[in-house]
All heavy atoms as atom14 arrays in JSON, in Angstrom:
{
  "sequence": "GGLKLGILSAAPTKEVQAFAQRYQLQDYVSLFMGVDEGPSKPDPILF",
  "atom14_mask": [
    [1, 1, 1, 1, 0, 0, 0, 0, 0, 0, 0, 0, 0, 0],
    [1, 1, 1, 1, 0, 0, 0, 0, 0, 0, 0, 0, 0, 0],
    [1, 1, 1, 1, 1, 1, 1, 1, 0, 0, 0, 0, 0, 0],
    [1, 1, 1, 1, 1, 1, 1, 1, 1, 0, 0, 0, 0, 0],
    [1, 1, 1, 1, 1, 1, 1, 1, 0, 0, 0, 0, 0, 0],
    [1, 1, 1, 1, 0, 0, 0, 0, 0, 0, 0, 0, 0, 0],
    [1, 1, 1, 1, 1, 1, 1, 1, 0, 0, 0, 0, 0, 0],
    [1, 1, 1, 1, 1, 1, 1, 1, 0, 0, 0, 0, 0, 0],
    [1, 1, 1, 1, 1, 1, 0, 0, 0, 0, 0, 0, 0, 0],
    [1, 1, 1, 1, 1, 0, 0, 0, 0, 0, 0, 0, 0, 0],
    [1, 1, 1, 1, 1, 0, 0, 0, 0, 0, 0, 0, 0, 0],
    [1, 1, 1, 1, 1, 1, 1, 0, 0, 0, 0, 0, 0, 0],
    [1, 1, 1, 1, 1, 1, 1, 0, 0, 0, 0, 0, 0, 0],
    [1, 1, 1, 1, 1, 1, 1, 1, 1, 0, 0, 0, 0, 0],
    [1, 1, 1, 1, 1, 1, 1, 1, 1, 0, 0, 0, 0, 0],
    [1, 1, 1, 1, 1, 1, 1, 0, 0, 0, 0, 0, 0, 0],
    [1, 1, 1, 1, 1, 1, 1, 1, 1, 0, 0, 0, 0, 0],
    [1, 1, 1, 1, 1, 0, 0, 0, 0, 0, 0, 0, 0, 0],
    [1, 1, 1, 1, 1, 1, 1, 1, 1, 1, 1, 0, 0, 0],
    [1, 1, 1, 1, 1, 0, 0, 0, 0, 0, 0, 0, 0, 0],
    [1, 1, 1, 1, 1, 1, 1, 1, 1, 0, 0, 0, 0, 0],
    [1, 1, 1, 1, 1, 1, 1, 1, 1, 1, 1, 0, 0, 0],
    [1, 1, 1, 1, 1, 1, 1, 1, 1, 1, 1, 1, 0, 0],
    [1, 1, 1, 1, 1, 1, 1, 1, 1, 0, 0, 0, 0, 0],
    [1, 1, 1, 1, 1, 1, 1, 1, 0, 0, 0, 0, 0, 0],
    [1, 1, 1, 1, 1, 1, 1, 1, 1, 0, 0, 0, 0, 0],
    [1, 1, 1, 1, 1, 1, 1, 1, 0, 0, 0, 0, 0, 0],
    [1, 1, 1, 1, 1, 1, 1, 1, 1, 1, 1, 1, 0, 0],
    [1, 1, 1, 1, 1, 1, 1, 0, 0, 0, 0, 0, 0, 0],
    [1, 1, 1, 1, 1, 1, 0, 0, 0, 0, 0, 0, 0, 0],
    [1, 1, 1, 1, 1, 1, 1, 1, 0, 0, 0, 0, 0, 0],
    [1, 1, 1, 1, 1, 1, 1, 1, 1, 1, 1, 0, 0, 0],
    [1, 1, 1, 1, 1, 1, 1, 1, 0, 0, 0, 0, 0, 0],
    [1, 1, 1, 1, 0, 0, 0, 0, 0, 0, 0, 0, 0, 0],
    [1, 1, 1, 1, 1, 1, 1, 0, 0, 0, 0, 0, 0, 0],
    [1, 1, 1, 1, 1, 1, 1, 1, 0, 0, 0, 0, 0, 0],
    [1, 1, 1, 1, 1, 1, 1, 1, 1, 0, 0, 0, 0, 0],
    [1, 1, 1, 1, 0, 0, 0, 0, 0, 0, 0, 0, 0, 0],
    [1, 1, 1, 1, 1, 1, 1, 0, 0, 0, 0, 0, 0, 0],
    [1, 1, 1, 1, 1, 1, 0, 0, 0, 0, 0, 0, 0, 0],
    [1, 1, 1, 1, 1, 1, 1, 1, 1, 0, 0, 0, 0, 0],
    [1, 1, 1, 1, 1, 1, 1, 0, 0, 0, 0, 0, 0, 0],
    [1, 1, 1, 1, 1, 1, 1, 1, 0, 0, 0, 0, 0, 0],
    [1, 1, 1, 1, 1, 1, 1, 0, 0, 0, 0, 0, 0, 0],
    [1, 1, 1, 1, 1, 1, 1, 1, 0, 0, 0, 0, 0, 0],
    [1, 1, 1, 1, 1, 1, 1, 1, 0, 0, 0, 0, 0, 0],
    [1, 1, 1, 1, 1, 1, 1, 1, 1, 1, 1, 0, 0, 0]
  ],
  "atom14_positions": [
    [[26.16, -2.73, -14.99], [26.7, -3.84, -14.23], [25.64, -4.75, -13.64], [25.97, -5.74, -12.97], [0.0, 0.0, 0.0], [0.0, 0.0, 0.0], [0.0, 0.0, 0.0], [0.0, 0.0, 0.0], [0.0, 0.0, 0.0], [0.0, 0.0, 0.0], [0.0, 0.0, 0.0], [0.0, 0.0, 0.0], [0.0, 0.0, 0.0], [0.0, 0.0, 0.0]],
    [[24.36, -4.41, -13.87], [23.27, -5.27, -13.45], [22.55, -4.86, -12.18], [21.69, -5.6, -11.68], [0.0, 0.0, 0.0], [0.0, 0.0, 0.0], [0.0, 0.0, 0.0], [0.0, 0.0, 0.0], [0.0, 0.0, 0.0], [0.0, 0.0, 0.0], [0.0, 0.0, 0.0], [0.0, 0.0, 0.0], [0.0, 0.0, 0.0], [0.0, 0.0, 0.0]],
    [[22.84, -3.67, -11.66], [22.18, -3.19, -10.45], [20.94, -2.38, -10.78], [20.91, -1.64, -11.76], [23.15, -2.32, -9.64], [24.31, -3.06, -8.98], [25.42, -2.08, -8.64], [23.84, -3.79, -7.73], [0.0, 0.0, 0.0], [0.0, 0.0, 0.0], [0.0, 0.0, 0.0], [0.0, 0.0, 0.0], [0.0, 0.0, 0.0], [0.0, 0.0, 0.0]],
    [[19.91, -2.51, -9.95], [18.77, -1.62, -10.03], [19.1, -0.35, -9.25], [19.68, -0.43, -8.15], [17.52, -2.28, -9.46], [16.96, -3.41, -10.31], [15.62, -3.88, -9.77], [15.01, -4.94, -10.68], [13.69, -5.4, -10.18], [0.0, 0.0, 0.0], [0.0, 0.0, 0.0], [0.0, 0.0, 0.0], [0.0, 0.0, 0.0], [0.0, 0.0, 0.0]],
    [[18.74, 0.8, -9.79], [19.08, 2.06, -9.16], [17.83, 2.89, -8.88], [16.86, 2.86, -9.65], [20.02, 2.87, -10.06], [21.31, 2.16, -10.5], [22.1, 3.08, -11.41], [22.14, 1.73, -9.31], [0.0, 0.0, 0.0], [0.0, 0.0, 0.0], [0.0, 0.0, 0.0], [0.0, 0.0, 0.0], [0.0, 0.0, 0.0], [0.0, 0.0, 0.0]],
    [[17.86, 3.62, -7.78], [16.76, 4.5, -7.44], [17.26, 5.77, -6.79], [18.4, 5.81, -6.29], [0.0, 0.0, 0.0], [0.0, 0.0, 0.0], [0.0, 0.0, 0.0], [0.0, 0.0, 0.0], [0.0, 0.0, 0.0], [0.0, 0.0, 0.0], [0.0, 0.0, 0.0], [0.0, 0.0, 0.0], [0.0, 0.0, 0.0], [0.0, 0.0, 0.0]],
    [[16.44, 6.8, -6.8], [16.74, 8.05, -6.09], [15.63, 8.27, -5.07], [14.45, 8.24, -5.4], [16.82, 9.25, -7.06], [17.96, 9.05, -8.06], [17.02, 10.55, -6.29], [18.03, 10.14, -9.12], [0.0, 0.0, 0.0], [0.0, 0.0, 0.0], [0.0, 0.0, 0.0], [0.0, 0.0, 0.0], [0.0, 0.0, 0.0], [0.0, 0.0, 0.0]],
    [[16.03, 8.49, -3.83], [15.11, 8.75, -2.73], [15.55, 10.02, -2.04], [16.59, 10.05, -1.38], [15.1, 7.57, -1.75], [14.36, 7.76, -0.43], [12.92, 8.19, -0.66], [14.41, 6.47, 0.38], [0.0, 0.0, 0.0], [0.0, 0.0, 0.0], [0.0, 0.0, 0.0], [0.0, 0.0, 0.0], [0.0, 0.0, 0.0], [0.0, 0.0, 0.0]],
    [[14.77, 11.08, -2.21], [15.17, 12.4, -1.74], [14.13, 12.98, -0.79], [12.95, 12.62, -0.84], [15.32, 13.34, -2.95], [15.54, 14.67, -2.54], [0.0, 0.0, 0.0], [0.0, 0.0, 0.0], [0.0, 0.0, 0.0], [0.0, 0.0, 0.0], [0.0, 0.0, 0.0], [0.0, 0.0, 0.0], [0.0, 0.0, 0.0], [0.0, 0.0, 0.0]],
    [[14.56, 13.89, 0.09], [13.63, 14.64, 0.93], [13.0, 15.79, 0.17], [12.08, 16.43, 0.67], [14.35, 15.17, 2.18], [0.0, 0.0, 0.0], [0.0, 0.0, 0.0], [0.0, 0.0, 0.0], [0.0, 0.0, 0.0], [0.0, 0.0, 0.0], [0.0, 0.0, 0.0], [0.0, 0.0, 0.0], [0.0, 0.0, 0.0], [0.0, 0.0, 0.0]],
    [[13.48, 16.05, -1.04], [12.89, 17.09, -1.89], [11.54, 16.6, -2.43], [11.28, 15.4, -2.46], [13.83, 17.41, -3.05], [0.0, 0.0, 0.0], [0.0, 0.0, 0.0], [0.0, 0.0, 0.0], [0.0, 0.0, 0.0], [0.0, 0.0, 0.0], [0.0, 0.0, 0.0], [0.0, 0.0, 0.0], [0.0, 0.0, 0.0], [0.0, 0.0, 0.0]],
    [[10.68, 17.51, -2.88], [9.41, 17.09, -3.48], [9.64, 16.19, -4.69], [10.63, 16.33, -5.42], [8.76, 18.42, -3.89], [9.37, 19.44, -2.97], [10.79, 18.98, -2.78], [0.0, 0.0, 0.0], [0.0, 0.0, 0.0], [0.0, 0.0, 0.0], [0.0, 0.0, 0.0], [0.0, 0.0, 0.0], [0.0, 0.0, 0.0], [0.0, 0.0, 0.0]],
    [[8.7, 15.28, -4.93], [8.83, 14.33, -6.02], [9.02, 15.03, -7.36], [9.8, 14.58, -8.2], [7.6, 13.42, -6.08], [7.51, 12.7, -4.83], [7.7, 12.41, -7.21], [0.0, 0.0, 0.0], [0.0, 0.0, 0.0], [0.0, 0.0, 0.0], [0.0, 0.0, 0.0], [0.0, 0.0, 0.0], [0.0, 0.0, 0.0], [0.0, 0.0, 0.0]],
    [[8.32, 16.14, -7.58], [8.43, 16.83, -8.86], [9.85, 17.34, -9.1], [10.31, 17.39, -10.24], [7.43, 17.98, -8.95], [7.65, 19.12, -7.97], [6.6, 20.22, -8.17], [6.85, 21.39, -7.22], [5.84, 22.46, -7.41], [0.0, 0.0, 0.0], [0.0, 0.0, 0.0], [0.0, 0.0, 0.0], [0.0, 0.0, 0.0], [0.0, 0.0, 0.0]],
    [[10.57, 17.69, -8.03], [11.96, 18.13, -8.18], [12.86, 16.96, -8.53], [13.8, 17.11, -9.32], [12.44, 18.8, -6.9], [11.84, 20.17, -6.64], [12.5, 20.89, -5.49], [13.59, 20.44, -5.04], [11.95, 21.9, -5.02], [0.0, 0.0, 0.0], [0.0, 0.0, 0.0], [0.0, 0.0, 0.0], [0.0, 0.0, 0.0], [0.0, 0.0, 0.0]],
    [[12.59, 15.8, -7.95], [13.38, 14.61, -8.27], [13.16, 14.23, -9.73], [14.11, 13.9, -10.46], [12.99, 13.44, -7.35], [13.86, 12.22, -7.65], [13.15, 13.83, -5.88], [0.0, 0.0, 0.0], [0.0, 0.0, 0.0], [0.0, 0.0, 0.0], [0.0, 0.0, 0.0], [0.0, 0.0, 0.0], [0.0, 0.0, 0.0], [0.0, 0.0, 0.0]],
    [[11.92, 14.28, -10.18], [11.6, 13.95, -11.57], [12.21, 14.96, -12.53], [12.71, 14.58, -13.6], [10.08, 13.88, -11.74], [9.44, 12.72, -10.99], [7.93, 12.79, -10.97], [7.32, 13.85, -11.17], [7.29, 11.65, -10.73], [0.0, 0.0, 0.0], [0.0, 0.0, 0.0], [0.0, 0.0, 0.0], [0.0, 0.0, 0.0], [0.0, 0.0, 0.0]],
    [[12.19, 16.24, -12.16], [12.78, 17.27, -13.02], [14.3, 17.06, -13.13], [14.88, 17.24, -14.21], [12.48, 18.65, -12.45], [0.0, 0.0, 0.0], [0.0, 0.0, 0.0], [0.0, 0.0, 0.0], [0.0, 0.0, 0.0], [0.0, 0.0, 0.0], [0.0, 0.0, 0.0], [0.0, 0.0, 0.0], [0.0, 0.0, 0.0], [0.0, 0.0, 0.0]],
    [[14.92, 16.68, -12.03], [16.35, 16.39, -12.03], [16.65, 15.23, -12.98], [17.6, 15.27, -13.78], [16.8, 16.05, -10.6], [18.18, 15.49, -10.5], [19.3, 16.3, -10.65], [18.38, 14.14, -10.22], [20.59, 15.77, -10.53], [19.65, 13.61, -10.1], [20.75, 14.42, -10.26], [0.0, 0.0, 0.0], [0.0, 0.0, 0.0], [0.0, 0.0, 0.0]],
    [[15.83, 14.19, -12.92], [16.02, 13.02, -13.78], [15.87, 13.39, -15.25], [16.65, 12.93, -16.11], [15.02, 11.93, -13.4], [0.0, 0.0, 0.0], [0.0, 0.0, 0.0], [0.0, 0.0, 0.0], [0.0, 0.0, 0.0], [0.0, 0.0, 0.0], [0.0, 0.0, 0.0], [0.0, 0.0, 0.0], [0.0, 0.0, 0.0], [0.0, 0.0, 0.0]],
    [[14.89, 14.21, -15.55], [14.66, 14.63, -16.93], [15.79, 15.51, -17.43], [16.22, 15.41, -18.59], [13.32, 15.34, -17.04], [12.12, 14.43, -16.81], [10.81, 15.18, -16.7], [10.78, 16.42, -16.78], [9.72, 14.46, -16.49], [0.0, 0.0, 0.0], [0.0, 0.0, 0.0], [0.0, 0.0, 0.0], [0.0, 0.0, 0.0], [0.0, 0.0, 0.0]],
    [[16.28, 16.4, -16.56], [17.32, 17.33, -16.95], [18.59, 16.6, -17.38], [19.29, 17.03, -18.31], [17.61, 18.28, -15.78], [18.51, 19.46, -16.12], [18.23, 20.62, -15.19], [18.46, 20.33, -13.8], [17.53, 20.32, -12.84], [16.27, 20.57, -13.16], [17.83, 20.07, -11.58], [0.0, 0.0, 0.0], [0.0, 0.0, 0.0], [0.0, 0.0, 0.0]],
    [[18.87, 15.48, -16.72], [20.1, 14.74, -17.02], [19.83, 13.4, -17.69], [20.73, 12.56, -17.78], [20.93, 14.57, -15.74], [21.41, 15.89, -15.21], [20.8, 16.49, -14.12], [22.44, 16.57, -15.84], [21.22, 17.73, -13.65], [22.87, 17.81, -15.38], [22.26, 18.38, -14.29], [22.67, 19.62, -13.83], [0.0, 0.0, 0.0], [0.0, 0.0, 0.0]],
    [[18.58, 13.19, -18.13], [18.2, 12.01, -18.91], [18.62, 10.72, -18.21], [19.31, 9.87, -18.76], [18.8, 12.1, -20.32], [18.34, 13.34, -21.07], [18.95, 13.46, -22.46], [19.95, 12.82, -22.77], [18.34, 14.26, -23.31], [0.0, 0.0, 0.0], [0.0, 0.0, 0.0], [0.0, 0.0, 0.0], [0.0, 0.0, 0.0], [0.0, 0.0, 0.0]],
    [[18.16, 10.58, -16.98], [18.51, 9.42, -16.17], [17.54, 8.26, -16.31], [17.79, 7.18, -15.76], [18.58, 9.83, -14.69], [19.58, 10.93, -14.31], [19.5, 11.2, -12.82], [20.99, 10.54, -14.71], [0.0, 0.0, 0.0], [0.0, 0.0, 0.0], [0.0, 0.0, 0.0], [0.0, 0.0, 0.0], [0.0, 0.0, 0.0], [0.0, 0.0, 0.0]],
    [[16.44, 8.45, -17.03], [15.37, 7.46, -17.06], [15.81, 6.1, -17.59], [15.23, 5.08, -17.22], [14.19, 7.97, -17.88], [13.5, 9.2, -17.3], [14.1, 10.5, -17.8], [15.26, 10.54, -18.22], [13.32, 11.57, -17.78], [0.0, 0.0, 0.0], [0.0, 0.0, 0.0], [0.0, 0.0, 0.0], [0.0, 0.0, 0.0], [0.0, 0.0, 0.0]],
    [[16.81, 6.07, -18.44], [17.26, 4.79, -19.0], [18.11, 3.99, -18.01], [18.36, 2.8, -18.24], [18.09, 5.03, -20.27], [17.24, 5.51, -21.43], [16.01, 5.32, -21.38], [17.81, 6.1, -22.37], [0.0, 0.0, 0.0], [0.0, 0.0, 0.0], [0.0, 0.0, 0.0], [0.0, 0.0, 0.0], [0.0, 0.0, 0.0], [0.0, 0.0, 0.0]],
    [[18.53, 4.63, -16.92], [19.45, 3.97, -15.99], [18.88, 3.85, -14.57], [19.24, 2.93, -13.84], [20.77, 4.74, -15.93], [21.33, 5.03, -17.29], [21.19, 6.3, -17.87], [21.98, 4.04, -18.02], [21.68, 6.56, -19.13], [22.47, 4.31, -19.29], [22.32, 5.57, -19.84], [22.8, 5.82, -21.11], [0.0, 0.0, 0.0], [0.0, 0.0, 0.0]],
    [[18.02, 4.78, -14.21], [17.45, 4.82, -12.85], [15.97, 4.49, -12.93], [15.24, 5.08, -13.74], [17.68, 6.2, -12.2], [17.11, 6.22, -10.79], [19.17, 6.54, -12.18], [0.0, 0.0, 0.0], [0.0, 0.0, 0.0], [0.0, 0.0, 0.0], [0.0, 0.0, 0.0], [0.0, 0.0, 0.0], [0.0, 0.0, 0.0], [0.0, 0.0, 0.0]],
    [[15.52, 3.57, -12.08], [14.14, 3.07, -12.17], [13.17, 3.77, -11.22], [11.96, 3.71, -11.42], [14.11, 1.56, -11.87], [14.95, 0.86, -12.75], [0.0, 0.0, 0.0], [0.0, 0.0, 0.0], [0.0, 0.0, 0.0], [0.0, 0.0, 0.0], [0.0, 0.0, 0.0], [0.0, 0.0, 0.0], [0.0, 0.0, 0.0], [0.0, 0.0, 0.0]],
    [[13.68, 4.43, -10.19], [12.82, 5.03, -9.17], [13.23, 6.47, -8.91], [14.4, 6.76, -8.68], [12.92, 4.23, -7.86], [12.19, 4.83, -6.66], [10.67, 4.73, -6.84], [12.63, 4.13, -5.37], [0.0, 0.0, 0.0], [0.0, 0.0, 0.0], [0.0, 0.0, 0.0], [0.0, 0.0, 0.0], [0.0, 0.0, 0.0], [0.0, 0.0, 0.0]],
    [[12.24, 7.38, -8.95], [12.47, 8.79, -8.64], [11.45, 9.18, -7.56], [10.33, 9.54, -7.86], [12.3, 9.65, -9.89], [13.17, 9.19, -11.03], [12.64, 8.43, -12.06], [14.52, 9.48, -11.05], [13.44, 7.99, -13.1], [15.33, 9.04, -12.09], [14.79, 8.29, -13.11], [0.0, 0.0, 0.0], [0.0, 0.0, 0.0], [0.0, 0.0, 0.0]],
    [[11.87, 9.1, -6.33], [10.96, 9.23, -5.19], [11.34, 10.41, -4.32], [12.5, 10.58, -3.94], [11.0, 7.93, -4.37], [10.11, 7.9, -3.15], [10.21, 6.25, -2.38], [9.4, 6.58, -0.82], [0.0, 0.0, 0.0], [0.0, 0.0, 0.0], [0.0, 0.0, 0.0], [0.0, 0.0, 0.0], [0.0, 0.0, 0.0], [0.0, 0.0, 0.0]],
    [[10.35, 11.25, -4.02], [10.56, 12.38, -3.14], [9.6, 12.33, -1.97], [8.88, 11.36, -1.78], [0.0, 0.0, 0.0], [0.0, 0.0, 0.0], [0.0, 0.0, 0.0], [0.0, 0.0, 0.0], [0.0, 0.0, 0.0], [0.0, 0.0, 0.0], [0.0, 0.0, 0.0], [0.0, 0.0, 0.0], [0.0, 0.0, 0.0], [0.0, 0.0, 0.0]],
    [[9.6, 13.39, -1.18], [8.71, 13.52, -0.03], [7.74, 14.65, -0.29], [8.16, 15.79, -0.49], [9.51, 13.78, 1.26], [8.56, 14.11, 2.41], [10.37, 12.58, 1.62], [0.0, 0.0, 0.0], [0.0, 0.0, 0.0], [0.0, 0.0, 0.0], [0.0, 0.0, 0.0], [0.0, 0.0, 0.0], [0.0, 0.0, 0.0], [0.0, 0.0, 0.0]],
    [[6.46, 14.34, -0.32], [5.42, 15.35, -0.55], [4.59, 15.54, 0.71], [4.61, 16.57, 1.34], [4.56, 14.94, -1.75], [5.39, 14.79, -3.01], [6.14, 15.72, -3.35], [5.3, 13.73, -3.66], [0.0, 0.0, 0.0], [0.0, 0.0, 0.0], [0.0, 0.0, 0.0], [0.0, 0.0, 0.0], [0.0, 0.0, 0.0], [0.0, 0.0, 0.0]],
    [[3.86, 14.53, 1.09], [3.11, 14.53, 2.35], [3.53, 13.29, 3.12], [4.09, 12.35, 2.57], [1.6, 14.52, 2.09], [1.09, 15.72, 1.3], [1.19, 17.02, 2.09], [1.24, 16.96, 3.33], [1.21, 18.09, 1.45], [0.0, 0.0, 0.0], [0.0, 0.0, 0.0], [0.0, 0.0, 0.0], [0.0, 0.0, 0.0], [0.0, 0.0, 0.0]],
    [[3.24, 13.28, 4.39], [3.56, 12.1, 5.17], [4.97, 12.12, 5.71], [5.6, 13.18, 5.82], [0.0, 0.0, 0.0], [0.0, 0.0, 0.0], [0.0, 0.0, 0.0], [0.0, 0.0, 0.0], [0.0, 0.0, 0.0], [0.0, 0.0, 0.0], [0.0, 0.0, 0.0], [0.0, 0.0, 0.0], [0.0, 0.0, 0.0], [0.0, 0.0, 0.0]],
    [[5.51, 10.93, 6.02], [6.82, 10.85, 6.69], [7.96, 11.33, 5.8], [7.89, 11.26, 4.58], [6.97, 9.36, 7.01], [6.1, 8.68, 6.0], [4.94, 9.6, 5.77], [0.0, 0.0, 0.0], [0.0, 0.0, 0.0], [0.0, 0.0, 0.0], [0.0, 0.0, 0.0], [0.0, 0.0, 0.0], [0.0, 0.0, 0.0], [0.0, 0.0, 0.0]],
    [[9.02, 11.8, 6.46], [10.24, 12.19, 5.76], [11.41, 11.43, 6.37], [11.24, 10.64, 7.31], [10.45, 13.7, 5.87], [11.57, 14.12, 5.11], [0.0, 0.0, 0.0], [0.0, 0.0, 0.0], [0.0, 0.0, 0.0], [0.0, 0.0, 0.0], [0.0, 0.0, 0.0], [0.0, 0.0, 0.0], [0.0, 0.0, 0.0], [0.0, 0.0, 0.0]],
    [[12.59, 11.61, 5.81], [13.77, 10.99, 6.4], [13.96, 11.48, 7.82], [13.71, 12.65, 8.09], [15.01, 11.34, 5.55], [14.99, 10.78, 4.14], [16.22, 11.24, 3.37], [16.21, 10.71, 1.95], [17.39, 11.15, 1.17], [0.0, 0.0, 0.0], [0.0, 0.0, 0.0], [0.0, 0.0, 0.0], [0.0, 0.0, 0.0], [0.0, 0.0, 0.0]],
    [[14.33, 10.62, 8.75], [14.89, 9.27, 8.58], [13.89, 8.13, 8.77], [14.32, 7.03, 9.15], [15.96, 9.24, 9.67], [15.34, 10.02, 10.79], [14.56, 11.13, 10.12], [0.0, 0.0, 0.0], [0.0, 0.0, 0.0], [0.0, 0.0, 0.0], [0.0, 0.0, 0.0], [0.0, 0.0, 0.0], [0.0, 0.0, 0.0], [0.0, 0.0, 0.0]],
    [[12.62, 8.36, 8.55], [11.63, 7.29, 8.73], [11.96, 6.12, 7.8], [12.01, 6.29, 6.58], [10.23, 7.82, 8.43], [9.13, 6.91, 8.95], [9.28, 5.68, 8.8], [8.14, 7.41, 9.48], [0.0, 0.0, 0.0], [0.0, 0.0, 0.0], [0.0, 0.0, 0.0], [0.0, 0.0, 0.0], [0.0, 0.0, 0.0], [0.0, 0.0, 0.0]],
    [[12.16, 4.92, 8.33], [12.54, 3.78, 7.49], [11.47, 3.36, 6.5], [11.78, 2.66, 5.53], [12.82, 2.67, 8.51], [12.05, 3.05, 9.73], [12.09, 4.55, 9.76], [0.0, 0.0, 0.0], [0.0, 0.0, 0.0], [0.0, 0.0, 0.0], [0.0, 0.0, 0.0], [0.0, 0.0, 0.0], [0.0, 0.0, 0.0], [0.0, 0.0, 0.0]],
    [[10.23, 3.79, 6.71], [9.17, 3.41, 5.78], [9.47, 3.87, 4.36], [9.1, 3.22, 3.38], [7.79, 3.93, 6.25], [6.66, 3.24, 5.46], [7.69, 5.46, 6.1], [5.28, 3.55, 5.98], [0.0, 0.0, 0.0], [0.0, 0.0, 0.0], [0.0, 0.0, 0.0], [0.0, 0.0, 0.0], [0.0, 0.0, 0.0], [0.0, 0.0, 0.0]],
    [[10.19, 4.99, 4.23], [10.54, 5.5, 2.91], [11.46, 4.53, 2.19], [11.3, 4.27, 0.99], [11.21, 6.87, 3.03], [10.36, 8.0, 3.6], [11.2, 9.24, 3.83], [9.2, 8.31, 2.67], [0.0, 0.0, 0.0], [0.0, 0.0, 0.0], [0.0, 0.0, 0.0], [0.0, 0.0, 0.0], [0.0, 0.0, 0.0], [0.0, 0.0, 0.0]],
    [[12.43, 3.99, 2.91], [13.36, 3.03, 2.3], [12.63, 1.74, 1.94], [12.86, 1.16, 0.88], [14.51, 2.75, 3.26], [15.69, 2.06, 2.61], [16.63, 2.79, 1.91], [15.86, 0.69, 2.7], [17.72, 2.16, 1.31], [16.93, 0.05, 2.11], [17.87, 0.79, 1.42], [0.0, 0.0, 0.0], [0.0, 0.0, 0.0], [0.0, 0.0, 0.0]]
  ]
}
């Protein structure tokens, strides 16, 4: 429908990427972002 899509999770980035690979989301979702070091939710800097 023309929307850009992303995933922003408190899980580690490698888990977000593994989830995307498991369900072959790469053709539809442009961002796979997790929390490794630094701020976590609800810090607005992540958004």
